[in-house]
N, C-alpha and C. Protein backbone atom coordinates (compact mmCIF):
# COMPACT_ATOMS: atom_id res chain seq x y z
N MET A 1 114.78 106.10 133.89
CA MET A 1 114.54 105.22 132.74
C MET A 1 113.17 105.47 132.14
N LYS A 2 112.20 105.80 133.01
CA LYS A 2 110.84 106.05 132.53
C LYS A 2 110.81 107.27 131.64
N GLY A 3 111.52 108.33 132.04
CA GLY A 3 111.57 109.54 131.22
C GLY A 3 112.24 109.28 129.89
N LYS A 4 113.28 108.44 129.90
CA LYS A 4 113.98 108.12 128.66
C LYS A 4 113.08 107.34 127.72
N ASN A 5 112.31 106.39 128.25
CA ASN A 5 111.38 105.64 127.43
C ASN A 5 110.31 106.54 126.85
N MET A 6 109.85 107.54 127.64
CA MET A 6 108.84 108.47 127.14
C MET A 6 109.40 109.28 125.99
N LYS A 7 110.68 109.71 126.12
CA LYS A 7 111.32 110.45 125.05
C LYS A 7 111.42 109.60 123.79
N LEU A 8 111.77 108.33 123.97
CA LEU A 8 111.91 107.41 122.85
C LEU A 8 110.57 107.21 122.14
N CYS A 9 109.50 107.04 122.93
CA CYS A 9 108.17 106.84 122.35
C CYS A 9 107.75 108.07 121.56
N LYS A 10 108.03 109.27 122.10
CA LYS A 10 107.67 110.50 121.40
C LYS A 10 108.46 110.65 120.12
N THR A 11 109.75 110.27 120.17
CA THR A 11 110.57 110.38 118.97
C THR A 11 110.06 109.44 117.88
N THR A 12 109.70 108.21 118.28
CA THR A 12 109.18 107.23 117.33
C THR A 12 107.86 107.71 116.74
N ALA A 13 106.99 108.24 117.61
CA ALA A 13 105.69 108.73 117.13
C ALA A 13 105.87 109.88 116.16
N LEU A 14 106.85 110.76 116.45
CA LEU A 14 107.10 111.89 115.57
C LEU A 14 107.58 111.41 114.21
N ALA A 15 108.40 110.37 114.21
CA ALA A 15 108.88 109.82 112.94
C ALA A 15 107.72 109.26 112.11
N ILE A 16 106.79 108.60 112.80
CA ILE A 16 105.61 108.06 112.11
C ILE A 16 104.77 109.20 111.55
N PHE A 17 104.65 110.27 112.33
CA PHE A 17 103.87 111.43 111.87
C PHE A 17 104.49 112.04 110.62
N VAL A 18 105.82 112.19 110.63
CA VAL A 18 106.50 112.75 109.47
C VAL A 18 106.31 111.85 108.26
N LEU A 19 106.39 110.52 108.47
CA LEU A 19 106.16 109.58 107.38
C LEU A 19 104.76 109.74 106.82
N ALA A 20 103.78 109.90 107.72
CA ALA A 20 102.40 110.07 107.26
C ALA A 20 102.25 111.33 106.43
N LEU A 21 102.91 112.41 106.86
CA LEU A 21 102.85 113.65 106.11
C LEU A 21 103.51 113.49 104.75
N ASN A 22 104.62 112.74 104.69
CA ASN A 22 105.29 112.52 103.41
C ASN A 22 104.41 111.73 102.46
N LEU A 23 103.75 110.70 102.99
CA LEU A 23 102.84 109.91 102.16
C LEU A 23 101.68 110.77 101.68
N PHE A 24 101.21 111.64 102.56
CA PHE A 24 100.12 112.54 102.18
C PHE A 24 100.57 113.49 101.07
N ALA A 25 101.81 113.97 101.19
CA ALA A 25 102.33 114.87 100.17
C ALA A 25 102.47 114.17 98.83
N VAL A 26 102.92 112.92 98.85
CA VAL A 26 103.02 112.15 97.61
C VAL A 26 101.65 111.97 96.99
N ALA A 27 100.66 111.67 97.84
CA ALA A 27 99.30 111.48 97.33
C ALA A 27 98.78 112.76 96.69
N GLN A 28 99.15 113.92 97.26
CA GLN A 28 98.70 115.19 96.70
C GLN A 28 99.29 115.42 95.32
N LYS A 29 100.52 114.93 95.10
CA LYS A 29 101.18 115.16 93.82
C LYS A 29 100.71 114.19 92.74
N ALA A 30 100.04 113.11 93.15
CA ALA A 30 99.58 112.13 92.17
C ALA A 30 98.53 112.75 91.26
N PRO A 31 98.58 112.47 89.94
CA PRO A 31 97.59 113.05 89.03
C PRO A 31 96.21 112.53 89.32
N ALA A 32 95.23 113.44 89.38
CA ALA A 32 93.86 113.04 89.66
C ALA A 32 93.23 112.47 88.41
N PRO A 33 92.24 111.55 88.55
CA PRO A 33 91.54 111.00 87.40
C PRO A 33 90.84 112.12 86.64
N LYS A 34 90.77 111.99 85.32
CA LYS A 34 90.17 113.02 84.49
C LYS A 34 88.69 113.17 84.78
N ASN A 35 87.97 112.08 84.97
CA ASN A 35 86.54 112.13 85.27
C ASN A 35 86.31 111.77 86.72
N GLN A 36 86.80 112.60 87.62
CA GLN A 36 86.75 112.29 89.04
C GLN A 36 85.33 112.35 89.59
N SER A 37 84.44 113.08 88.90
CA SER A 37 83.09 113.25 89.41
C SER A 37 82.25 112.01 89.24
N SER A 38 82.63 111.12 88.34
CA SER A 38 81.85 109.92 88.10
C SER A 38 82.73 108.70 88.19
N PRO A 39 82.22 107.56 88.73
CA PRO A 39 83.01 106.35 88.87
C PRO A 39 83.44 105.84 87.51
N PRO A 40 84.63 105.23 87.41
CA PRO A 40 85.10 104.71 86.14
C PRO A 40 84.21 103.59 85.66
N ALA A 41 83.98 103.55 84.37
CA ALA A 41 83.12 102.52 83.80
C ALA A 41 83.79 101.17 83.92
N ALA A 42 82.96 100.13 83.98
CA ALA A 42 83.52 98.80 84.15
C ALA A 42 84.33 98.39 82.94
N SER A 43 84.04 98.98 81.78
CA SER A 43 84.75 98.61 80.57
C SER A 43 86.08 99.33 80.43
N LYS A 44 86.34 100.28 81.35
CA LYS A 44 87.58 101.04 81.28
C LYS A 44 88.76 100.11 81.48
N VAL A 45 89.76 100.23 80.63
CA VAL A 45 90.92 99.36 80.70
C VAL A 45 91.84 99.85 81.79
N ALA A 46 92.29 98.95 82.67
CA ALA A 46 93.19 99.31 83.77
C ALA A 46 94.52 98.61 83.60
N SER A 47 95.51 99.11 84.31
CA SER A 47 96.82 98.47 84.28
C SER A 47 96.76 97.17 85.05
N ALA A 48 97.50 96.17 84.58
CA ALA A 48 97.46 94.87 85.23
C ALA A 48 98.21 94.87 86.54
N ALA A 49 99.19 95.74 86.71
CA ALA A 49 99.94 95.81 87.96
C ALA A 49 100.71 97.10 87.98
N PRO A 50 100.95 97.63 89.22
CA PRO A 50 101.75 98.85 89.32
C PRO A 50 103.11 98.64 88.67
N GLY A 51 103.54 99.60 87.88
CA GLY A 51 104.83 99.49 87.23
C GLY A 51 104.75 98.88 85.85
N THR A 52 103.56 98.37 85.46
CA THR A 52 103.39 97.82 84.13
C THR A 52 102.15 98.43 83.49
N PRO A 53 102.19 99.75 83.21
CA PRO A 53 101.01 100.45 82.73
C PRO A 53 100.53 99.99 81.37
N ASP A 54 101.40 99.31 80.60
CA ASP A 54 101.00 98.89 79.26
C ASP A 54 100.26 97.56 79.26
N ALA A 55 100.29 96.84 80.39
CA ALA A 55 99.59 95.56 80.47
C ALA A 55 98.12 95.84 80.75
N LYS A 56 97.23 95.30 79.93
CA LYS A 56 95.82 95.62 80.03
C LYS A 56 95.02 94.45 80.59
N ILE A 57 93.91 94.77 81.24
CA ILE A 57 93.02 93.76 81.80
C ILE A 57 91.90 93.50 80.80
N ASN A 58 91.54 92.24 80.65
CA ASN A 58 90.39 91.89 79.82
C ASN A 58 89.16 92.62 80.36
N PRO A 59 88.45 93.37 79.52
CA PRO A 59 87.31 94.17 80.00
C PRO A 59 86.27 93.35 80.75
N ALA A 60 85.99 92.14 80.28
CA ALA A 60 85.00 91.30 80.95
C ALA A 60 85.49 90.90 82.34
N LYS A 61 86.78 90.58 82.45
CA LYS A 61 87.35 90.21 83.75
C LYS A 61 87.36 91.43 84.67
N GLU A 62 87.71 92.59 84.13
CA GLU A 62 87.71 93.80 84.96
C GLU A 62 86.32 94.10 85.51
N ALA A 63 85.30 93.90 84.66
CA ALA A 63 83.92 94.13 85.10
C ALA A 63 83.57 93.21 86.27
N ASP A 64 84.01 91.95 86.18
CA ASP A 64 83.72 91.01 87.26
C ASP A 64 84.53 91.33 88.51
N ILE A 65 85.77 91.81 88.34
CA ILE A 65 86.56 92.21 89.50
C ILE A 65 85.88 93.35 90.24
N ARG A 66 85.41 94.34 89.47
CA ARG A 66 84.73 95.47 90.09
C ARG A 66 83.42 95.02 90.75
N LYS A 67 82.75 94.05 90.15
CA LYS A 67 81.53 93.50 90.75
C LYS A 67 81.86 92.82 92.07
N LEU A 68 82.95 92.05 92.07
CA LEU A 68 83.38 91.36 93.30
C LEU A 68 83.73 92.38 94.38
N LEU A 69 84.48 93.41 94.03
CA LEU A 69 84.85 94.43 95.01
C LEU A 69 83.63 95.16 95.55
N ASP A 70 82.63 95.34 94.70
CA ASP A 70 81.40 95.99 95.14
C ASP A 70 80.65 95.08 96.13
N ILE A 71 80.59 93.79 95.80
CA ILE A 71 79.94 92.83 96.70
C ILE A 71 80.65 92.80 98.05
N MET A 72 81.97 92.89 98.02
CA MET A 72 82.77 92.81 99.24
C MET A 72 82.73 94.11 100.04
N GLY A 73 82.13 95.15 99.46
CA GLY A 73 82.05 96.43 100.17
C GLY A 73 83.40 97.08 100.34
N THR A 74 84.22 97.03 99.29
CA THR A 74 85.59 97.55 99.38
C THR A 74 85.63 99.03 99.71
N LYS A 75 84.74 99.81 99.11
CA LYS A 75 84.72 101.25 99.39
C LYS A 75 84.44 101.53 100.86
N ALA A 76 83.40 100.87 101.38
CA ALA A 76 83.03 101.09 102.78
C ALA A 76 84.15 100.66 103.72
N LEU A 77 84.80 99.54 103.37
CA LEU A 77 85.89 99.05 104.21
C LEU A 77 87.07 100.01 104.18
N ALA A 78 87.31 100.61 103.01
CA ALA A 78 88.40 101.57 102.90
C ALA A 78 88.13 102.79 103.78
N VAL A 79 86.88 103.26 103.77
CA VAL A 79 86.51 104.40 104.61
C VAL A 79 86.64 104.05 106.08
N GLN A 80 86.17 102.86 106.44
CA GLN A 80 86.24 102.42 107.85
C GLN A 80 87.69 102.32 108.31
N THR A 81 88.54 101.74 107.46
CA THR A 81 89.95 101.60 107.81
C THR A 81 90.61 102.96 107.95
N MET A 82 90.30 103.87 107.02
CA MET A 82 90.89 105.20 107.08
C MET A 82 90.45 105.93 108.35
N ASP A 83 89.17 105.86 108.70
CA ASP A 83 88.67 106.53 109.89
C ASP A 83 89.34 105.98 111.15
N ALA A 84 89.47 104.64 111.20
CA ALA A 84 90.11 104.03 112.37
C ALA A 84 91.56 104.45 112.48
N THR A 85 92.25 104.53 111.34
CA THR A 85 93.65 104.94 111.35
C THR A 85 93.80 106.38 111.79
N LEU A 86 92.95 107.26 111.25
CA LEU A 86 93.03 108.67 111.62
C LEU A 86 92.69 108.89 113.09
N ASN A 87 91.67 108.19 113.58
CA ASN A 87 91.30 108.32 114.99
C ASN A 87 92.44 107.87 115.90
N GLY A 88 93.16 106.84 115.46
CA GLY A 88 94.30 106.38 116.24
C GLY A 88 95.47 107.34 116.19
N MET A 89 95.56 108.09 115.08
CA MET A 89 96.67 109.05 114.94
C MET A 89 96.45 110.32 115.75
N ARG A 90 95.19 110.67 116.03
CA ARG A 90 94.90 111.96 116.67
C ARG A 90 95.65 112.14 118.00
N PRO A 91 95.54 111.23 118.95
CA PRO A 91 96.28 111.44 120.20
C PRO A 91 97.79 111.39 120.00
N MET A 92 98.24 110.61 119.01
CA MET A 92 99.68 110.55 118.75
C MET A 92 100.19 111.89 118.24
N LEU A 93 99.42 112.51 117.34
CA LEU A 93 99.83 113.81 116.83
C LEU A 93 99.83 114.85 117.94
N ALA A 94 98.81 114.81 118.78
CA ALA A 94 98.73 115.77 119.88
C ALA A 94 99.93 115.64 120.81
N GLY A 95 100.43 114.42 120.97
CA GLY A 95 101.56 114.20 121.86
C GLY A 95 102.91 114.53 121.25
N THR A 96 102.97 114.63 119.91
CA THR A 96 104.26 114.88 119.26
C THR A 96 104.43 116.33 118.84
N LEU A 97 103.34 117.03 118.58
CA LEU A 97 103.45 118.44 118.20
C LEU A 97 103.80 119.29 119.41
N PRO A 98 104.56 120.36 119.21
CA PRO A 98 104.85 121.27 120.33
C PRO A 98 103.56 121.84 120.91
N PRO A 99 103.48 122.00 122.20
CA PRO A 99 102.25 122.50 122.82
C PRO A 99 101.93 123.91 122.38
N GLY A 100 100.64 124.24 122.38
CA GLY A 100 100.22 125.58 121.99
C GLY A 100 98.75 125.59 121.61
N ASP A 101 98.17 126.79 121.58
CA ASP A 101 96.76 126.92 121.25
C ASP A 101 96.47 126.53 119.80
N TYR A 102 97.50 126.57 118.95
CA TYR A 102 97.33 126.27 117.54
C TYR A 102 97.07 124.79 117.28
N GLN A 103 97.50 123.93 118.23
CA GLN A 103 97.62 122.50 117.99
C GLN A 103 96.32 121.85 117.54
N GLN A 104 95.24 122.06 118.29
CA GLN A 104 93.99 121.40 117.98
C GLN A 104 93.47 121.81 116.61
N LYS A 105 93.59 123.10 116.29
CA LYS A 105 93.12 123.58 114.99
C LYS A 105 93.92 122.96 113.86
N LEU A 106 95.25 122.85 114.03
CA LEU A 106 96.10 122.25 113.02
C LEU A 106 95.72 120.80 112.77
N ILE A 107 95.51 120.05 113.86
CA ILE A 107 95.16 118.64 113.72
C ILE A 107 93.79 118.49 113.04
N ASP A 108 92.83 119.30 113.47
CA ASP A 108 91.49 119.24 112.87
C ASP A 108 91.54 119.54 111.37
N LEU A 109 92.29 120.56 110.99
CA LEU A 109 92.38 120.93 109.58
C LEU A 109 93.12 119.87 108.77
N PHE A 110 94.13 119.25 109.39
CA PHE A 110 94.86 118.17 108.71
C PHE A 110 93.93 117.01 108.39
N PHE A 111 93.16 116.56 109.39
CA PHE A 111 92.24 115.45 109.17
C PHE A 111 91.12 115.83 108.20
N GLU A 112 90.66 117.08 108.29
CA GLU A 112 89.62 117.54 107.37
C GLU A 112 90.13 117.50 105.93
N LYS A 113 91.35 117.97 105.73
CA LYS A 113 91.96 117.96 104.40
C LYS A 113 92.17 116.54 103.90
N PHE A 114 92.67 115.68 104.79
CA PHE A 114 92.95 114.29 104.41
C PHE A 114 91.66 113.58 103.98
N ARG A 115 90.60 113.74 104.77
CA ARG A 115 89.33 113.08 104.44
C ARG A 115 88.74 113.64 103.14
N ALA A 116 88.92 114.93 102.92
CA ALA A 116 88.38 115.54 101.71
C ALA A 116 89.07 115.02 100.45
N LYS A 117 90.37 114.73 100.56
CA LYS A 117 91.13 114.30 99.40
C LYS A 117 91.17 112.79 99.23
N ALA A 118 90.81 112.05 100.27
CA ALA A 118 90.86 110.59 100.22
C ALA A 118 89.59 110.06 99.56
N ASP A 119 89.69 109.64 98.31
CA ASP A 119 88.55 109.12 97.56
C ASP A 119 88.58 107.60 97.59
N PRO A 120 87.59 106.95 98.22
CA PRO A 120 87.60 105.48 98.29
C PRO A 120 87.55 104.82 96.92
N GLN A 121 87.03 105.52 95.91
CA GLN A 121 87.02 104.96 94.56
C GLN A 121 88.44 104.72 94.06
N GLN A 122 89.37 105.57 94.49
CA GLN A 122 90.77 105.39 94.09
C GLN A 122 91.34 104.10 94.68
N VAL A 123 90.86 103.73 95.86
CA VAL A 123 91.30 102.46 96.46
C VAL A 123 90.83 101.30 95.59
N VAL A 124 89.57 101.36 95.14
CA VAL A 124 89.04 100.32 94.27
C VAL A 124 89.87 100.23 92.99
N ASP A 125 90.14 101.40 92.38
CA ASP A 125 90.91 101.42 91.14
C ASP A 125 92.30 100.84 91.34
N MET A 126 92.89 101.06 92.52
CA MET A 126 94.24 100.55 92.79
C MET A 126 94.27 99.04 92.92
N VAL A 127 93.22 98.46 93.53
CA VAL A 127 93.26 97.03 93.79
C VAL A 127 92.77 96.19 92.62
N VAL A 128 92.09 96.80 91.65
CA VAL A 128 91.62 96.05 90.48
C VAL A 128 92.78 95.32 89.80
N PRO A 129 93.89 96.01 89.45
CA PRO A 129 95.00 95.29 88.81
C PRO A 129 95.66 94.26 89.72
N ILE A 130 95.56 94.47 91.03
CA ILE A 130 96.16 93.50 91.96
C ILE A 130 95.35 92.19 91.95
N TYR A 131 94.01 92.32 91.95
CA TYR A 131 93.17 91.13 91.83
C TYR A 131 93.40 90.44 90.49
N ASP A 132 93.56 91.23 89.44
CA ASP A 132 93.80 90.67 88.11
C ASP A 132 95.12 89.89 88.08
N LYS A 133 96.11 90.40 88.80
CA LYS A 133 97.43 89.78 88.82
C LYS A 133 97.42 88.42 89.52
N HIS A 134 96.66 88.32 90.61
CA HIS A 134 96.75 87.13 91.46
C HIS A 134 95.61 86.12 91.27
N LEU A 135 94.53 86.52 90.61
CA LEU A 135 93.37 85.63 90.46
C LEU A 135 92.96 85.54 89.00
N SER A 136 92.62 84.33 88.58
CA SER A 136 92.13 84.15 87.21
C SER A 136 90.68 84.61 87.13
N HIS A 137 90.17 84.72 85.90
CA HIS A 137 88.79 85.15 85.72
C HIS A 137 87.83 84.13 86.34
N ASP A 138 88.13 82.85 86.17
CA ASP A 138 87.27 81.82 86.75
C ASP A 138 87.27 81.91 88.28
N GLU A 139 88.42 82.21 88.86
CA GLU A 139 88.49 82.34 90.32
C GLU A 139 87.70 83.55 90.80
N ILE A 140 87.75 84.63 90.04
CA ILE A 140 86.95 85.81 90.37
C ILE A 140 85.47 85.45 90.35
N LYS A 141 85.05 84.73 89.32
CA LYS A 141 83.65 84.31 89.21
C LYS A 141 83.28 83.39 90.38
N GLY A 142 84.23 82.52 90.77
CA GLY A 142 83.97 81.62 91.89
C GLY A 142 83.77 82.39 93.19
N LEU A 143 84.54 83.44 93.40
CA LEU A 143 84.38 84.26 94.60
C LEU A 143 83.04 85.00 94.59
N ILE A 144 82.64 85.48 93.42
CA ILE A 144 81.33 86.14 93.31
C ILE A 144 80.23 85.18 93.69
N ALA A 145 80.35 83.94 93.21
CA ALA A 145 79.34 82.93 93.54
C ALA A 145 79.36 82.60 95.03
N PHE A 146 80.57 82.49 95.61
CA PHE A 146 80.68 82.17 97.04
C PHE A 146 80.04 83.24 97.91
N TYR A 147 80.33 84.50 97.59
CA TYR A 147 79.79 85.58 98.42
C TYR A 147 78.29 85.76 98.25
N GLY A 148 77.71 85.01 97.31
CA GLY A 148 76.25 85.00 97.18
C GLY A 148 75.60 83.94 98.04
N THR A 149 76.40 83.05 98.65
CA THR A 149 75.87 82.00 99.52
C THR A 149 75.70 82.54 100.94
N PRO A 150 74.93 81.83 101.79
CA PRO A 150 74.78 82.26 103.20
C PRO A 150 76.11 82.40 103.92
N LEU A 151 77.03 81.42 103.71
CA LEU A 151 78.33 81.50 104.37
C LEU A 151 79.12 82.68 103.85
N GLY A 152 79.05 82.92 102.54
CA GLY A 152 79.77 84.04 101.97
C GLY A 152 79.26 85.37 102.50
N LYS A 153 77.92 85.48 102.63
CA LYS A 153 77.33 86.72 103.15
C LYS A 153 77.73 86.94 104.61
N LYS A 154 77.76 85.84 105.40
CA LYS A 154 78.18 85.98 106.79
C LYS A 154 79.65 86.39 106.87
N THR A 155 80.46 85.80 105.99
CA THR A 155 81.88 86.15 105.96
C THR A 155 82.07 87.63 105.72
N LEU A 156 81.34 88.17 104.74
CA LEU A 156 81.43 89.60 104.45
C LEU A 156 80.95 90.44 105.63
N ALA A 157 79.92 89.94 106.34
CA ALA A 157 79.36 90.69 107.46
C ALA A 157 80.34 90.80 108.63
N VAL A 158 81.12 89.74 108.86
CA VAL A 158 82.01 89.74 110.03
C VAL A 158 83.43 90.17 109.70
N LEU A 159 83.76 90.26 108.41
CA LEU A 159 85.13 90.62 108.04
C LEU A 159 85.57 91.98 108.59
N PRO A 160 84.72 93.03 108.54
CA PRO A 160 85.17 94.32 109.10
C PRO A 160 85.54 94.23 110.58
N ALA A 161 84.74 93.50 111.36
CA ALA A 161 85.04 93.35 112.79
C ALA A 161 86.33 92.55 112.98
N ILE A 162 86.49 91.50 112.16
CA ILE A 162 87.71 90.70 112.24
C ILE A 162 88.93 91.54 111.91
N ALA A 163 88.81 92.34 110.84
CA ALA A 163 89.93 93.18 110.43
C ALA A 163 90.27 94.22 111.49
N ALA A 164 89.23 94.85 112.07
CA ALA A 164 89.47 95.89 113.09
C ALA A 164 90.11 95.30 114.33
N GLU A 165 89.57 94.18 114.82
CA GLU A 165 90.11 93.56 116.03
C GLU A 165 91.51 93.00 115.79
N SER A 166 91.73 92.44 114.59
CA SER A 166 93.05 91.91 114.27
C SER A 166 94.07 93.05 114.19
N GLY A 167 93.65 94.17 113.58
CA GLY A 167 94.56 95.32 113.48
C GLY A 167 94.93 95.87 114.85
N GLU A 168 93.93 95.96 115.74
CA GLU A 168 94.18 96.46 117.08
C GLU A 168 95.10 95.52 117.85
N ALA A 169 94.85 94.21 117.71
CA ALA A 169 95.70 93.24 118.40
C ALA A 169 97.13 93.28 117.86
N GLY A 170 97.24 93.41 116.53
CA GLY A 170 98.57 93.48 115.92
C GLY A 170 99.32 94.73 116.32
N GLN A 171 98.60 95.84 116.44
CA GLN A 171 99.24 97.09 116.85
C GLN A 171 99.78 96.99 118.27
N LYS A 172 98.98 96.43 119.18
CA LYS A 172 99.43 96.28 120.57
C LYS A 172 100.62 95.33 120.64
N TRP A 173 100.54 94.25 119.86
CA TRP A 173 101.64 93.28 119.84
C TRP A 173 102.92 93.95 119.36
N GLY A 174 102.82 94.74 118.28
CA GLY A 174 103.99 95.42 117.75
C GLY A 174 104.56 96.44 118.72
N GLU A 175 103.67 97.19 119.39
CA GLU A 175 104.14 98.18 120.35
C GLU A 175 104.86 97.52 121.52
N ASN A 176 104.29 96.46 122.05
CA ASN A 176 104.91 95.76 123.19
C ASN A 176 106.24 95.14 122.79
N LEU A 177 106.26 94.50 121.60
CA LEU A 177 107.49 93.88 121.14
C LEU A 177 108.56 94.94 120.89
N GLY A 178 108.15 96.07 120.32
CA GLY A 178 109.11 97.14 120.05
C GLY A 178 109.71 97.70 121.33
N ARG A 179 108.87 97.92 122.35
CA ARG A 179 109.38 98.42 123.63
C ARG A 179 110.35 97.43 124.26
N ASP A 180 109.96 96.13 124.24
CA ASP A 180 110.82 95.12 124.85
C ASP A 180 112.17 95.03 124.14
N CYS A 181 112.14 95.08 122.80
CA CYS A 181 113.39 94.98 122.04
C CYS A 181 114.29 96.18 122.32
N MET A 182 113.69 97.37 122.37
CA MET A 182 114.49 98.57 122.60
C MET A 182 115.10 98.55 124.00
N ARG A 183 114.32 98.12 124.99
CA ARG A 183 114.84 98.03 126.35
C ARG A 183 116.00 97.05 126.42
N GLU A 184 115.87 95.91 125.73
CA GLU A 184 116.93 94.91 125.76
C GLU A 184 118.19 95.42 125.08
N VAL A 185 118.01 96.07 123.93
CA VAL A 185 119.17 96.61 123.22
C VAL A 185 119.90 97.65 124.07
N LEU A 186 119.14 98.54 124.73
CA LEU A 186 119.75 99.57 125.57
C LEU A 186 120.43 98.95 126.79
N ALA A 187 119.82 97.88 127.33
CA ALA A 187 120.42 97.22 128.49
C ALA A 187 121.70 96.48 128.10
N GLU A 188 121.72 95.93 126.88
CA GLU A 188 122.89 95.18 126.40
C GLU A 188 124.01 96.11 125.93
N HIS A 189 123.66 97.35 125.62
CA HIS A 189 124.66 98.31 125.11
C HIS A 189 124.56 99.62 125.88
N PRO A 190 125.17 99.65 127.08
CA PRO A 190 125.10 100.86 127.93
C PRO A 190 125.63 102.10 127.23
N ASP A 191 126.59 101.93 126.31
CA ASP A 191 127.13 103.09 125.62
C ASP A 191 126.06 103.75 124.75
N LEU A 192 125.23 102.94 124.11
CA LEU A 192 124.15 103.49 123.30
C LEU A 192 123.08 104.12 124.18
N ALA A 193 122.84 103.51 125.35
CA ALA A 193 121.87 104.09 126.29
C ALA A 193 122.33 105.46 126.76
N SER A 194 123.64 105.57 127.05
CA SER A 194 124.18 106.86 127.48
C SER A 194 124.11 107.89 126.36
N ALA A 195 124.39 107.44 125.12
CA ALA A 195 124.34 108.36 123.99
C ALA A 195 122.91 108.84 123.74
N LEU A 196 121.96 107.94 123.90
CA LEU A 196 120.55 108.31 123.73
C LEU A 196 120.11 109.30 124.80
N GLN A 197 120.55 109.04 126.03
CA GLN A 197 120.19 109.94 127.12
C GLN A 197 120.78 111.33 126.90
N ALA A 198 122.02 111.38 126.44
CA ALA A 198 122.67 112.66 126.19
C ALA A 198 121.97 113.39 125.03
N ALA A 199 121.61 112.64 124.00
CA ALA A 199 120.93 113.25 122.85
C ALA A 199 119.56 113.78 123.25
N SER A 200 118.89 113.06 124.16
CA SER A 200 117.56 113.48 124.61
C SER A 200 117.64 114.79 125.40
N LYS A 201 118.71 114.93 126.17
CA LYS A 201 118.87 116.17 126.95
C LYS A 201 119.12 117.36 126.05
N ASN A 202 119.83 117.11 124.94
CA ASN A 202 120.17 118.21 124.02
C ASN A 202 119.08 118.49 123.00
N ALA A 203 118.10 117.57 122.91
CA ALA A 203 117.05 117.75 121.91
C ALA A 203 116.15 118.88 122.32
N PRO A 204 115.65 119.67 121.35
CA PRO A 204 114.73 120.78 121.70
C PRO A 204 113.41 120.25 122.19
């Protein structure tokens, strides 16, 4: 049973890896901003929400949204989140790729390419219309004022740690729950367990 669970974990991890590569490929195909070398001006008109490119944001509200995101350290948080995600993926990729001397170089080049193409400014640009969609201009101004207070500054200071610890706790919770559910399903359906075992033996 232990070997079967190991096979299942590797298969799941490989599926996640393939999904990550597909997302990376989609990101590569996305059109790059025309002025990628310089941050977009605050007066630049953005889409109000994905799928509605013709809906425009009030320039003054957009400027305040970008100010709020800057105060919140959105760029730095995006980089931190990306680094944590990639670091977590490294051992998973090593365990799913076929063994060989090529493996470490492939993984290193993949992460190098991903980091080179991942522009945190694009994260900011993506969330601007989302903030516009869910928050009024007065609410944006209220958040700017709040984050200027001692409590607001402390909130910003501890949010990265809260996010990291919450993500780690959620990941462990999901992994444990997933294992338990799969074990129960296989125990309740011996025919599926036998089919999985047979498929694992035939898998390359």
